[in-house]
């Protein structure tokens, strides 16, 4: 049994020192978490979702707890892609960590403009969000219709140059493999899934929804089984590398996603309760690989043995 497990993984040509990323929208641009530990400890940072211009986001209340997670309708509050490049990217570049920029647009052209800017700025990967369930302007439509998902993917690829493009898939569809095939055929380099599930809570005392926007995206432990199932389905449908996410809070959760077919994993909601969750997931993965006698954590990917 090896004493030292090789933790490196290759996600569409982007080599990470370990397979643990942090999910977009849960880590800001790293500054707050950087007060707890060296950001170089994790494999990659999916920065907060960016739009072409600054967005104030949705009105409050826009976050609500659920028994097994949270609902959010933050609405992509962000400083805009130019402000990220000028002020946040230089901060992240101080650390030995891969920087993944997450983008959302109202039109395919906006995605193209942002890809061009971010490629010139030198990010390591671009995550194209076609599946934000809490933004009214087109976000959900792109992620639920194959032809629109393909159109955005082609536009992103045409302007991303040498930077790999990873498309983030929505679970709010009848058949996620249909969308996966469409973006794979359109040239995507990798896929990330799942985004949040659309959910709702109602205050029985006021008869009003808990969130101002009525519905929001459900994340946290409750969605892990859905994420595992969808990663498994997509891994069988396309040959692209997958960044798996949804309900990961410990090594065993991440291992399930990797066994289902993910090359790497992202931790999100768990960090709101425990900022050190990504470190714990990384160490937990290493322990699992060691117990299994694996030389490399990458050997977990796709190793599920269905009945």
C-alpha atoms as a PDB file:
ATOM      1  CA  UNK A   1       0.000   0.000   0.000  1.00  0.00           C
ATOM      2  CA  UNK A   2       1.512   3.370  -0.995  1.00  0.00           C
ATOM      3  CA  UNK A   3       2.287   5.796   1.785  1.00  0.00           C
ATOM      4  CA  UNK A   4       1.924   8.797  -0.467  1.00  0.00           C
ATOM      5  CA  UNK A   5      -1.015   9.159  -2.836  1.00  0.00           C
ATOM      6  CA  UNK A   6      -0.528  11.229  -6.001  1.00  0.00           C
ATOM      7  CA  UNK A   7      -3.245  13.873  -5.658  1.00  0.00           C
ATOM      8  CA  UNK A   8      -2.768  15.618  -9.011  1.00  0.00           C
ATOM      9  CA  UNK A   9      -5.546  15.559 -11.600  1.00  0.00           C
ATOM     10  CA  UNK A  10      -5.798  16.842 -15.159  1.00  0.00           C
ATOM     11  CA  UNK A  11      -9.036  18.676 -15.935  1.00  0.00           C
ATOM     12  CA  UNK A  12      -9.080  19.380 -19.686  1.00  0.00           C
ATOM     13  CA  UNK A  13      -5.362  20.141 -19.743  1.00  0.00           C
ATOM     14  CA  UNK A  14      -5.416  22.159 -16.516  1.00  0.00           C
ATOM     15  CA  UNK A  15      -3.292  20.241 -14.023  1.00  0.00           C
ATOM     16  CA  UNK A  16      -4.311  20.777 -10.398  1.00  0.00           C
ATOM     17  CA  UNK A  17      -2.230  19.751  -7.383  1.00  0.00           C
ATOM     18  CA  UNK A  18      -5.345  18.105  -5.918  1.00  0.00           C
ATOM     19  CA  UNK A  19      -8.875  17.506  -7.224  1.00  0.00           C
ATOM     20  CA  UNK A  20     -10.659  19.898  -4.854  1.00  0.00           C
ATOM     21  CA  UNK A  21     -12.042  23.190  -6.168  1.00  0.00           C
ATOM     22  CA  UNK A  22     -14.393  25.638  -4.523  1.00  0.00           C
ATOM     23  CA  UNK A  23     -17.697  26.293  -6.266  1.00  0.00           C
ATOM     24  CA  UNK A  24     -18.555  29.596  -7.877  1.00  0.00           C
ATOM     25  CA  UNK A  25     -20.700  31.877  -5.751  1.00  0.00           C
ATOM     26  CA  UNK A  26     -19.668  30.310  -2.448  1.00  0.00           C
ATOM     27  CA  UNK A  27     -16.096  31.597  -2.176  1.00  0.00           C
ATOM     28  CA  UNK A  28     -16.327  35.165  -3.419  1.00  0.00           C
ATOM     29  CA  UNK A  29     -12.905  35.980  -4.845  1.00  0.00           C
ATOM     30  CA  UNK A  30     -11.045  34.209  -2.058  1.00  0.00           C
ATOM     31  CA  UNK A  31     -10.204  37.157   0.168  1.00  0.00           C
ATOM     32  CA  UNK A  32     -12.443  36.200   3.082  1.00  0.00           C
ATOM     33  CA  UNK A  33     -11.332  32.557   3.137  1.00  0.00           C
ATOM     34  CA  UNK A  34      -7.717  33.645   2.739  1.00  0.00           C
ATOM     35  CA  UNK A  35      -7.922  34.841   6.338  1.00  0.00           C
ATOM     36  CA  UNK A  36      -8.307  31.204   7.475  1.00  0.00           C
ATOM     37  CA  UNK A  37      -5.683  29.384   5.390  1.00  0.00           C
ATOM     38  CA  UNK A  38      -3.311  29.683   2.449  1.00  0.00           C
ATOM     39  CA  UNK A  39      -5.405  29.508  -0.737  1.00  0.00           C
ATOM     40  CA  UNK A  40      -2.602  27.448  -2.280  1.00  0.00           C
ATOM     41  CA  UNK A  41      -3.902  24.494  -0.227  1.00  0.00           C
ATOM     42  CA  UNK A  42      -6.722  23.809  -2.688  1.00  0.00           C
ATOM     43  CA  UNK A  43      -6.584  22.757  -6.315  1.00  0.00           C
ATOM     44  CA  UNK A  44      -8.703  25.445  -7.919  1.00  0.00           C
ATOM     45  CA  UNK A  45     -10.932  28.437  -7.235  1.00  0.00           C
ATOM     46  CA  UNK A  46     -14.088  28.953  -9.264  1.00  0.00           C
ATOM     47  CA  UNK A  47     -14.509  32.681  -8.733  1.00  0.00           C
ATOM     48  CA  UNK A  48     -17.862  34.313  -8.095  1.00  0.00           C
ATOM     49  CA  UNK A  49     -19.995  34.501 -11.226  1.00  0.00           C
ATOM     50  CA  UNK A  50     -19.189  37.451 -13.476  1.00  0.00           C
ATOM     51  CA  UNK A  51     -21.305  39.423 -15.910  1.00  0.00           C
ATOM     52  CA  UNK A  52     -20.180  41.887 -18.542  1.00  0.00           C
ATOM     53  CA  UNK A  53     -21.298  44.825 -16.400  1.00  0.00           C
ATOM     54  CA  UNK A  54     -21.683  45.260 -12.641  1.00  0.00           C
ATOM     55  CA  UNK A  55     -24.823  43.738 -11.119  1.00  0.00           C
ATOM     56  CA  UNK A  56     -26.415  44.573  -7.779  1.00  0.00           C
ATOM     57  CA  UNK A  57     -28.233  41.252  -7.581  1.00  0.00           C
ATOM     58  CA  UNK A  58     -31.718  40.509  -6.306  1.00  0.00           C
ATOM     59  CA  UNK A  59     -33.455  42.222  -3.382  1.00  0.00           C
ATOM     60  CA  UNK A  60     -33.341  40.643   0.082  1.00  0.00           C
ATOM     61  CA  UNK A  61     -34.277  38.278   1.567  1.00  0.00           C
ATOM     62  CA  UNK A  62     -32.282  36.185  -0.874  1.00  0.00           C
ATOM     63  CA  UNK A  63     -30.839  33.361   1.233  1.00  0.00           C
ATOM     64  CA  UNK A  64     -32.833  30.946   3.385  1.00  0.00           C
ATOM     65  CA  UNK A  65     -31.876  27.792   5.246  1.00  0.00           C
ATOM     66  CA  UNK A  66     -33.574  24.457   4.564  1.00  0.00           C
ATOM     67  CA  UNK A  67     -33.362  21.272   6.638  1.00  0.00           C
ATOM     68  CA  UNK A  68     -30.535  19.921   4.437  1.00  0.00           C
ATOM     69  CA  UNK A  69     -29.033  22.978   2.753  1.00  0.00           C
ATOM     70  CA  UNK A  70     -29.875  26.482   1.633  1.00  0.00           C
ATOM     71  CA  UNK A  71     -31.962  28.271  -0.959  1.00  0.00           C
ATOM     72  CA  UNK A  72     -30.417  31.288  -2.654  1.00  0.00           C
ATOM     73  CA  UNK A  73     -31.577  33.903  -5.113  1.00  0.00           C
ATOM     74  CA  UNK A  74     -28.576  36.233  -4.895  1.00  0.00           C
ATOM     75  CA  UNK A  75     -28.958  37.017  -8.572  1.00  0.00           C
ATOM     76  CA  UNK A  76     -25.307  37.191  -9.641  1.00  0.00           C
ATOM     77  CA  UNK A  77     -24.300  40.248  -7.653  1.00  0.00           C
ATOM     78  CA  UNK A  78     -20.793  41.011  -8.894  1.00  0.00           C
ATOM     79  CA  UNK A  79     -18.482  43.911  -9.801  1.00  0.00           C
ATOM     80  CA  UNK A  80     -18.321  43.051 -13.511  1.00  0.00           C
ATOM     81  CA  UNK A  81     -15.632  41.302 -15.538  1.00  0.00           C
ATOM     82  CA  UNK A  82     -13.339  44.345 -15.879  1.00  0.00           C
ATOM     83  CA  UNK A  83     -13.282  44.985 -12.128  1.00  0.00           C
ATOM     84  CA  UNK A  84     -12.457  41.308 -11.551  1.00  0.00           C
ATOM     85  CA  UNK A  85      -9.537  41.495 -13.957  1.00  0.00           C
ATOM     86  CA  UNK A  86      -8.235  44.750 -12.463  1.00  0.00           C
ATOM     87  CA  UNK A  87      -8.720  44.103  -8.747  1.00  0.00           C
ATOM     88  CA  UNK A  88      -9.443  40.449  -7.922  1.00  0.00           C
ATOM     89  CA  UNK A  89      -7.343  38.431 -10.368  1.00  0.00           C
ATOM     90  CA  UNK A  90      -4.036  40.006  -9.209  1.00  0.00           C
ATOM     91  CA  UNK A  91      -4.901  38.963  -5.633  1.00  0.00           C
ATOM     92  CA  UNK A  92      -5.651  35.362  -6.663  1.00  0.00           C
ATOM     93  CA  UNK A  93      -2.461  35.184  -8.712  1.00  0.00           C
ATOM     94  CA  UNK A  94      -0.435  35.486  -5.495  1.00  0.00           C
ATOM     95  CA  UNK A  95      -1.303  31.871  -4.748  1.00  0.00           C
ATOM     96  CA  UNK A  96      -0.372  28.539  -6.284  1.00  0.00           C
ATOM     97  CA  UNK A  97      -3.938  27.703  -7.267  1.00  0.00           C
ATOM     98  CA  UNK A  98      -5.766  27.416 -10.579  1.00  0.00           C
ATOM     99  CA  UNK A  99      -8.148  30.297 -11.240  1.00  0.00           C
ATOM    100  CA  UNK A 100     -11.412  29.460 -12.982  1.00  0.00           C
ATOM    101  CA  UNK A 101     -13.547  32.430 -14.042  1.00  0.00           C
ATOM    102  CA  UNK A 102     -17.303  31.817 -14.069  1.00  0.00           C
ATOM    103  CA  UNK A 103     -19.342  33.902 -16.530  1.00  0.00           C
ATOM    104  CA  UNK A 104     -23.020  34.530 -17.248  1.00  0.00           C
ATOM    105  CA  UNK A 105     -24.463  36.526 -20.116  1.00  0.00           C
ATOM    106  CA  UNK A 106     -27.777  37.713 -21.475  1.00  0.00           C
ATOM    107  CA  UNK A 107     -26.706  37.015 -25.070  1.00  0.00           C
ATOM    108  CA  UNK A 108     -24.161  34.703 -26.730  1.00  0.00           C
ATOM    109  CA  UNK A 109     -22.237  37.824 -27.760  1.00  0.00           C
ATOM    110  CA  UNK A 110     -21.755  38.829 -24.116  1.00  0.00           C
ATOM    111  CA  UNK A 111     -20.237  35.432 -23.380  1.00  0.00           C
ATOM    112  CA  UNK A 112     -17.846  35.937 -26.281  1.00  0.00           C
ATOM    113  CA  UNK A 113     -16.735  39.379 -25.110  1.00  0.00           C
ATOM    114  CA  UNK A 114     -16.072  38.111 -21.584  1.00  0.00           C
ATOM    115  CA  UNK A 115     -14.143  35.082 -22.828  1.00  0.00           C
ATOM    116  CA  UNK A 116     -11.887  37.334 -24.866  1.00  0.00           C
ATOM    117  CA  UNK A 117     -11.211  39.637 -21.916  1.00  0.00           C
ATOM    118  CA  UNK A 118     -10.530  36.784 -19.504  1.00  0.00           C
ATOM    119  CA  UNK A 119      -8.272  34.916 -21.920  1.00  0.00           C
ATOM    120  CA  UNK A 120      -6.151  38.019 -22.378  1.00  0.00           C
ATOM    121  CA  UNK A 121      -6.075  38.476 -18.592  1.00  0.00           C
ATOM    122  CA  UNK A 122      -4.642  34.980 -18.160  1.00  0.00           C
ATOM    123  CA  UNK A 123      -7.179  32.882 -16.246  1.00  0.00           C
ATOM    124  CA  UNK A 124      -6.599  29.124 -16.249  1.00  0.00           C
ATOM    125  CA  UNK A 125     -10.103  28.097 -17.294  1.00  0.00           C
ATOM    126  CA  UNK A 126     -13.479  29.670 -18.052  1.00  0.00           C
ATOM    127  CA  UNK A 127     -16.639  28.161 -16.589  1.00  0.00           C
ATOM    128  CA  UNK A 128     -19.612  29.114 -18.737  1.00  0.00           C
ATOM    129  CA  UNK A 129     -22.747  29.315 -16.625  1.00  0.00           C
ATOM    130  CA  UNK A 130     -25.702  28.532 -18.874  1.00  0.00           C
ATOM    131  CA  UNK A 131     -27.856  27.397 -15.998  1.00  0.00           C
ATOM    132  CA  UNK A 132     -28.401  30.021 -13.344  1.00  0.00           C
ATOM    133  CA  UNK A 133     -31.919  29.362 -12.009  1.00  0.00           C
ATOM    134  CA  UNK A 134     -32.267  32.651 -10.141  1.00  0.00           C
ATOM    135  CA  UNK A 135     -31.690  35.189 -12.902  1.00  0.00           C
ATOM    136  CA  UNK A 136     -34.673  36.084 -15.058  1.00  0.00           C
ATOM    137  CA  UNK A 137     -32.717  37.276 -18.099  1.00  0.00           C
ATOM    138  CA  UNK A 138     -32.211  34.152 -20.137  1.00  0.00           C
ATOM    139  CA  UNK A 139     -29.939  32.168 -17.841  1.00  0.00           C
ATOM    140  CA  UNK A 140     -32.245  29.209 -17.348  1.00  0.00           C
ATOM    141  CA  UNK A 141     -33.270  29.028 -21.017  1.00  0.00           C
ATOM    142  CA  UNK A 142     -29.691  28.551 -22.219  1.00  0.00           C
ATOM    143  CA  UNK A 143     -29.212  25.619 -19.892  1.00  0.00           C
ATOM    144  CA  UNK A 144     -32.453  23.817 -20.666  1.00  0.00           C
ATOM    145  CA  UNK A 145     -32.496  23.933 -24.477  1.00  0.00           C
ATOM    146  CA  UNK A 146     -29.798  21.999 -26.355  1.00  0.00           C
ATOM    147  CA  UNK A 147     -29.614  24.336 -29.333  1.00  0.00           C
ATOM    148  CA  UNK A 148     -29.170  27.415 -27.134  1.00  0.00           C
ATOM    149  CA  UNK A 149     -26.597  25.667 -24.936  1.00  0.00           C
ATOM    150  CA  UNK A 150     -24.655  24.732 -28.074  1.00  0.00           C
ATOM    151  CA  UNK A 151     -24.835  28.281 -29.432  1.00  0.00           C
ATOM    152  CA  UNK A 152     -23.364  29.776 -26.254  1.00  0.00           C
ATOM    153  CA  UNK A 153     -20.672  27.095 -26.139  1.00  0.00           C
ATOM    154  CA  UNK A 154     -19.591  27.780 -29.732  1.00  0.00           C
ATOM    155  CA  UNK A 155     -19.433  31.523 -29.055  1.00  0.00           C
ATOM    156  CA  UNK A 156     -17.360  31.001 -25.911  1.00  0.00           C
ATOM    157  CA  UNK A 157     -14.949  28.642 -27.659  1.00  0.00           C
ATOM    158  CA  UNK A 158     -14.531  31.040 -30.573  1.00  0.00           C
ATOM    159  CA  UNK A 159     -13.268  33.760 -28.212  1.00  0.00           C
ATOM    160  CA  UNK A 160     -11.459  31.779 -25.495  1.00  0.00           C
ATOM    161  CA  UNK A 161      -8.362  31.000 -27.524  1.00  0.00           C
ATOM    162  CA  UNK A 162      -6.074  28.552 -25.711  1.00  0.00           C
ATOM    163  CA  UNK A 163      -8.032  28.722 -22.432  1.00  0.00           C
ATOM    164  CA  UNK A 164     -10.211  25.637 -21.846  1.00  0.00           C
ATOM    165  CA  UNK A 165     -13.965  26.215 -21.685  1.00  0.00           C
ATOM    166  CA  UNK A 166     -16.014  24.294 -19.117  1.00  0.00           C
ATOM    167  CA  UNK A 167     -19.803  24.471 -19.415  1.00  0.00           C
ATOM    168  CA  UNK A 168     -21.898  24.326 -16.243  1.00  0.00           C
ATOM    169  CA  UNK A 169     -25.034  22.235 -16.644  1.00  0.00           C
ATOM    170  CA  UNK A 170     -28.434  22.714 -15.070  1.00  0.00           C
ATOM    171  CA  UNK A 171     -30.136  19.843 -13.251  1.00  0.00           C
ATOM    172  CA  UNK A 172     -33.520  21.469 -13.952  1.00  0.00           C
ATOM    173  CA  UNK A 173     -34.038  19.497 -17.152  1.00  0.00           C
ATOM    174  CA  UNK A 174     -35.762  16.304 -18.232  1.00  0.00           C
ATOM    175  CA  UNK A 175     -32.584  14.692 -19.595  1.00  0.00           C
ATOM    176  CA  UNK A 176     -29.222  16.214 -18.661  1.00  0.00           C
ATOM    177  CA  UNK A 177     -27.368  13.985 -21.132  1.00  0.00           C
ATOM    178  CA  UNK A 178     -29.144  15.723 -24.010  1.00  0.00           C
ATOM    179  CA  UNK A 179     -27.638  19.067 -22.962  1.00  0.00           C
ATOM    180  CA  UNK A 180     -24.256  17.442 -22.277  1.00  0.00           C
ATOM    181  CA  UNK A 181     -24.104  15.983 -25.781  1.00  0.00           C
ATOM    182  CA  UNK A 182     -25.100  19.303 -27.341  1.00  0.00           C
ATOM    183  CA  UNK A 183     -22.320  21.285 -25.645  1.00  0.00           C
ATOM    184  CA  UNK A 184     -19.796  18.490 -26.231  1.00  0.00           C
ATOM    185  CA  UNK A 185     -20.601  18.551 -29.948  1.00  0.00           C
ATOM    186  CA  UNK A 186     -20.256  22.351 -29.870  1.00  0.00           C
ATOM    187  CA  UNK A 187     -16.666  22.055 -28.664  1.00  0.00           C
ATOM    188  CA  UNK A 188     -16.731  22.290 -24.860  1.00  0.00           C
ATOM    189  CA  UNK A 189     -13.512  21.122 -23.197  1.00  0.00           C
ATOM    190  CA  UNK A 190     -15.107  20.074 -19.888  1.00  0.00           C
ATOM    191  CA  UNK A 191     -18.405  20.032 -18.031  1.00  0.00           C
ATOM    192  CA  UNK A 192     -19.310  21.048 -14.493  1.00  0.00           C
ATOM    193  CA  UNK A 193     -22.428  19.759 -12.768  1.00  0.00           C
ATOM    194  CA  UNK A 194     -24.701  20.122 -11.076  1.00  0.00           C
ATOM    195  CA  UNK A 195     -25.861  23.659 -10.588  1.00  0.00           C
ATOM    196  CA  UNK A 196     -28.539  24.252  -7.960  1.00  0.00           C
ATOM    197  CA  UNK A 197     -31.982  22.668  -8.084  1.00  0.00           C
ATOM    198  CA  UNK A 198     -34.875  25.084  -8.258  1.00  0.00           C
ATOM    199  CA  UNK A 199     -36.727  25.189  -4.958  1.00  0.00           C
ATOM    200  CA  UNK A 200     -39.105  27.201  -2.795  1.00  0.00           C
ATOM    201  CA  UNK A 201     -40.028  27.765   0.855  1.00  0.00           C
ATOM    202  CA  UNK A 202     -43.162  29.455   2.172  1.00  0.00           C
ATOM    203  CA  UNK A 203     -43.614  31.159   5.526  1.00  0.00           C
ATOM    204  CA  UNK A 204     -46.852  29.638   6.838  1.00  0.00           C
ATOM    205  CA  UNK A 205     -47.426  32.612   9.167  1.00  0.00           C
ATOM    206  CA  UNK A 206     -47.383  35.257   6.435  1.00  0.00           C
ATOM    207  CA  UNK A 207     -48.332  33.018   3.494  1.00  0.00           C
ATOM    208  CA  UNK A 208     -45.443  34.591   1.585  1.00  0.00           C
ATOM    209  CA  UNK A 209     -42.437  32.881   0.029  1.00  0.00           C
ATOM    210  CA  UNK A 210     -39.353  33.133   2.227  1.00  0.00           C
ATOM    211  CA  UNK A 211     -37.315  34.526  -0.683  1.00  0.00           C
ATOM    212  CA  UNK A 212     -38.196  37.872  -2.251  1.00  0.00           C
ATOM    213  CA  UNK A 213     -37.854  36.343  -5.733  1.00  0.00           C
ATOM    214  CA  UNK A 214     -40.226  33.525  -4.650  1.00  0.00           C
ATOM    215  CA  UNK A 215     -37.952  30.683  -5.816  1.00  0.00           C
ATOM    216  CA  UNK A 216     -34.232  30.057  -5.626  1.00  0.00           C
ATOM    217  CA  UNK A 217     -31.482  27.511  -6.083  1.00  0.00           C
ATOM    218  CA  UNK A 218     -31.280  24.632  -3.600  1.00  0.00           C
ATOM    219  CA  UNK A 219     -27.786  23.495  -2.597  1.00  0.00           C
ATOM    220  CA  UNK A 220     -26.262  21.516   0.245  1.00  0.00           C
ATOM    221  CA  UNK A 221     -26.331  17.873   1.397  1.00  0.00           C
ATOM    222  CA  UNK A 222     -29.865  17.290   0.062  1.00  0.00           C
ATOM    223  CA  UNK A 223     -28.724  17.505  -3.560  1.00  0.00           C
ATOM    224  CA  UNK A 224     -25.753  15.077  -3.366  1.00  0.00           C
ATOM    225  CA  UNK A 225     -27.644  11.971  -4.555  1.00  0.00           C
ATOM    226  CA  UNK A 226     -29.015  13.933  -7.525  1.00  0.00           C
ATOM    227  CA  UNK A 227     -25.506  15.170  -8.354  1.00  0.00           C
ATOM    228  CA  UNK A 228     -24.016  11.670  -8.163  1.00  0.00           C
ATOM    229  CA  UNK A 229     -26.733  10.278 -10.445  1.00  0.00           C
ATOM    230  CA  UNK A 230     -26.356  13.067 -13.007  1.00  0.00           C
ATOM    231  CA  UNK A 231     -22.538  12.893 -13.063  1.00  0.00           C
ATOM    232  CA  UNK A 232     -22.823   9.143 -13.638  1.00  0.00           C
ATOM    233  CA  UNK A 233     -25.300   9.621 -16.501  1.00  0.00           C
ATOM    234  CA  UNK A 234     -23.244  12.353 -18.167  1.00  0.00           C
ATOM    235  CA  UNK A 235     -19.981  10.414 -17.812  1.00  0.00           C
ATOM    236  CA  UNK A 236     -21.570   7.574 -19.762  1.00  0.00           C
ATOM    237  CA  UNK A 237     -22.962   9.902 -22.425  1.00  0.00           C
ATOM    238  CA  UNK A 238     -19.881  12.001 -23.286  1.00  0.00           C
ATOM    239  CA  UNK A 239     -16.116  11.616 -22.995  1.00  0.00           C
ATOM    240  CA  UNK A 240     -15.412  15.077 -21.572  1.00  0.00           C
ATOM    241  CA  UNK A 241     -13.805  15.523 -18.132  1.00  0.00           C
ATOM    242  CA  UNK A 242     -16.269  16.502 -15.417  1.00  0.00           C
ATOM    243  CA  UNK A 243     -16.026  18.806 -12.410  1.00  0.00           C
ATOM    244  CA  UNK A 244     -18.592  17.276 -10.062  1.00  0.00           C
ATOM    245  CA  UNK A 245     -20.397  19.313  -7.417  1.00  0.00           C
ATOM    246  CA  UNK A 246     -23.528  19.377  -5.319  1.00  0.00           C
ATOM    247  CA  UNK A 247     -23.684  18.621  -1.608  1.00  0.00           C
ATOM    248  CA  UNK A 248     -19.995  17.827  -1.061  1.00  0.00           C
ATOM    249  CA  UNK A 249     -18.950  18.317   2.559  1.00  0.00           C
ATOM    250  CA  UNK A 250     -16.532  15.432   3.231  1.00  0.00           C
ATOM    251  CA  UNK A 251     -14.152  13.102   1.460  1.00  0.00           C
ATOM    252  CA  UNK A 252     -16.747  10.352   1.036  1.00  0.00           C
ATOM    253  CA  UNK A 253     -19.062  12.747  -0.825  1.00  0.00           C
ATOM    254  CA  UNK A 254     -16.288  13.763  -3.201  1.00  0.00           C
ATOM    255  CA  UNK A 255     -15.274  10.131  -3.703  1.00  0.00           C
ATOM    256  CA  UNK A 256     -18.830   9.270  -4.753  1.00  0.00           C
ATOM    257  CA  UNK A 257     -18.749  11.933  -7.459  1.00  0.00           C
ATOM    258  CA  UNK A 258     -15.345  10.766  -8.676  1.00  0.00           C
ATOM    259  CA  UNK A 259     -16.397   7.121  -8.719  1.00  0.00           C
ATOM    260  CA  UNK A 260     -19.433   8.197 -10.761  1.00  0.00           C
ATOM    261  CA  UNK A 261     -17.102   9.767 -13.329  1.00  0.00           C
ATOM    262  CA  UNK A 262     -15.881  13.162 -12.123  1.00  0.00           C
ATOM    263  CA  UNK A 263     -12.226  14.096 -12.633  1.00  0.00           C
ATOM    264  CA  UNK A 264     -12.367  16.760  -9.917  1.00  0.00           C
ATOM    265  CA  UNK A 265     -14.891  18.026  -7.382  1.00  0.00           C
ATOM    266  CA  UNK A 266     -16.078  21.358  -6.036  1.00  0.00           C
ATOM    267  CA  UNK A 267     -17.099  22.238  -2.484  1.00  0.00           C
ATOM    268  CA  UNK A 268     -19.718  24.952  -2.037  1.00  0.00           C
ATOM    269  CA  UNK A 269     -22.424  25.359   0.580  1.00  0.00           C
ATOM    270  CA  UNK A 270     -20.456  23.359   3.181  1.00  0.00           C
ATOM    271  CA  UNK A 271     -18.018  26.266   3.493  1.00  0.00           C
ATOM    272  CA  UNK A 272     -20.679  28.544   4.955  1.00  0.00           C
ATOM    273  CA  UNK A 273     -20.694  26.332   8.047  1.00  0.00           C
ATOM    274  CA  UNK A 274     -17.024  25.342   7.925  1.00  0.00           C
ATOM    275  CA  UNK A 275     -14.491  27.466   6.000  1.00  0.00           C
ATOM    276  CA  UNK A 276     -12.022  24.583   6.195  1.00  0.00           C
ATOM    277  CA  UNK A 277     -14.347  22.144   4.380  1.00  0.00           C
ATOM    278  CA  UNK A 278     -12.238  22.041   1.169  1.00  0.00           C
ATOM    279  CA  UNK A 279      -9.153  21.053   3.190  1.00  0.00           C
ATOM    280  CA  UNK A 280     -11.116  18.335   4.976  1.00  0.00           C
ATOM    281  CA  UNK A 281     -12.469  17.036   1.658  1.00  0.00           C
ATOM    282  CA  UNK A 282      -8.954  16.954   0.176  1.00  0.00           C
ATOM    283  CA  UNK A 283      -7.550  15.039   3.153  1.00  0.00           C
ATOM    284  CA  UNK A 284     -10.548  12.725   3.224  1.00  0.00           C
ATOM    285  CA  UNK A 285     -10.068  11.866  -0.447  1.00  0.00           C
ATOM    286  CA  UNK A 286      -6.409  11.104   0.171  1.00  0.00           C
ATOM    287  CA  UNK A 287      -7.346   8.782   3.068  1.00  0.00           C
ATOM    288  CA  UNK A 288      -9.901   6.921   0.935  1.00  0.00           C
ATOM    289  CA  UNK A 289      -7.417   6.460  -1.917  1.00  0.00           C
ATOM    290  CA  UNK A 290      -4.796   5.244   0.573  1.00  0.00           C
ATOM    291  CA  UNK A 291      -7.200   2.754   2.154  1.00  0.00           C
ATOM    292  CA  UNK A 292      -8.013   1.400  -1.290  1.00  0.00           C
ATOM    293  CA  UNK A 293      -4.319   0.981  -2.051  1.00  0.00           C
ATOM    294  CA  UNK A 294      -4.403   3.430  -4.960  1.00  0.00           C
ATOM    295  CA  UNK A 295      -1.245   5.121  -6.163  1.00  0.00           C
ATOM    296  CA  UNK A 296      -3.190   8.135  -7.436  1.00  0.00           C
ATOM    297  CA  UNK A 297      -6.511   9.716  -6.484  1.00  0.00           C
ATOM    298  CA  UNK A 298      -7.324   9.964 -10.206  1.00  0.00           C
ATOM    299  CA  UNK A 299      -7.828   6.183 -10.163  1.00  0.00           C
ATOM    300  CA  UNK A 300     -11.141   6.792  -8.416  1.00  0.00           C
ATOM    301  CA  UNK A 301     -12.595   8.481 -11.514  1.00  0.00           C
ATOM    302  CA  UNK A 302     -15.209   6.289 -13.170  1.00  0.00           C
ATOM    303  CA  UNK A 303     -14.386   3.267 -11.020  1.00  0.00           C
ATOM    304  CA  UNK A 304     -17.990   2.641  -9.959  1.00  0.00           C
ATOM    305  CA  UNK A 305     -19.150  -0.950 -10.519  1.00  0.00           C
ATOM    306  CA  UNK A 306     -22.912  -0.852 -11.211  1.00  0.00           C
ATOM    307  CA  UNK A 307     -24.936  -3.903 -10.311  1.00  0.00           C
END
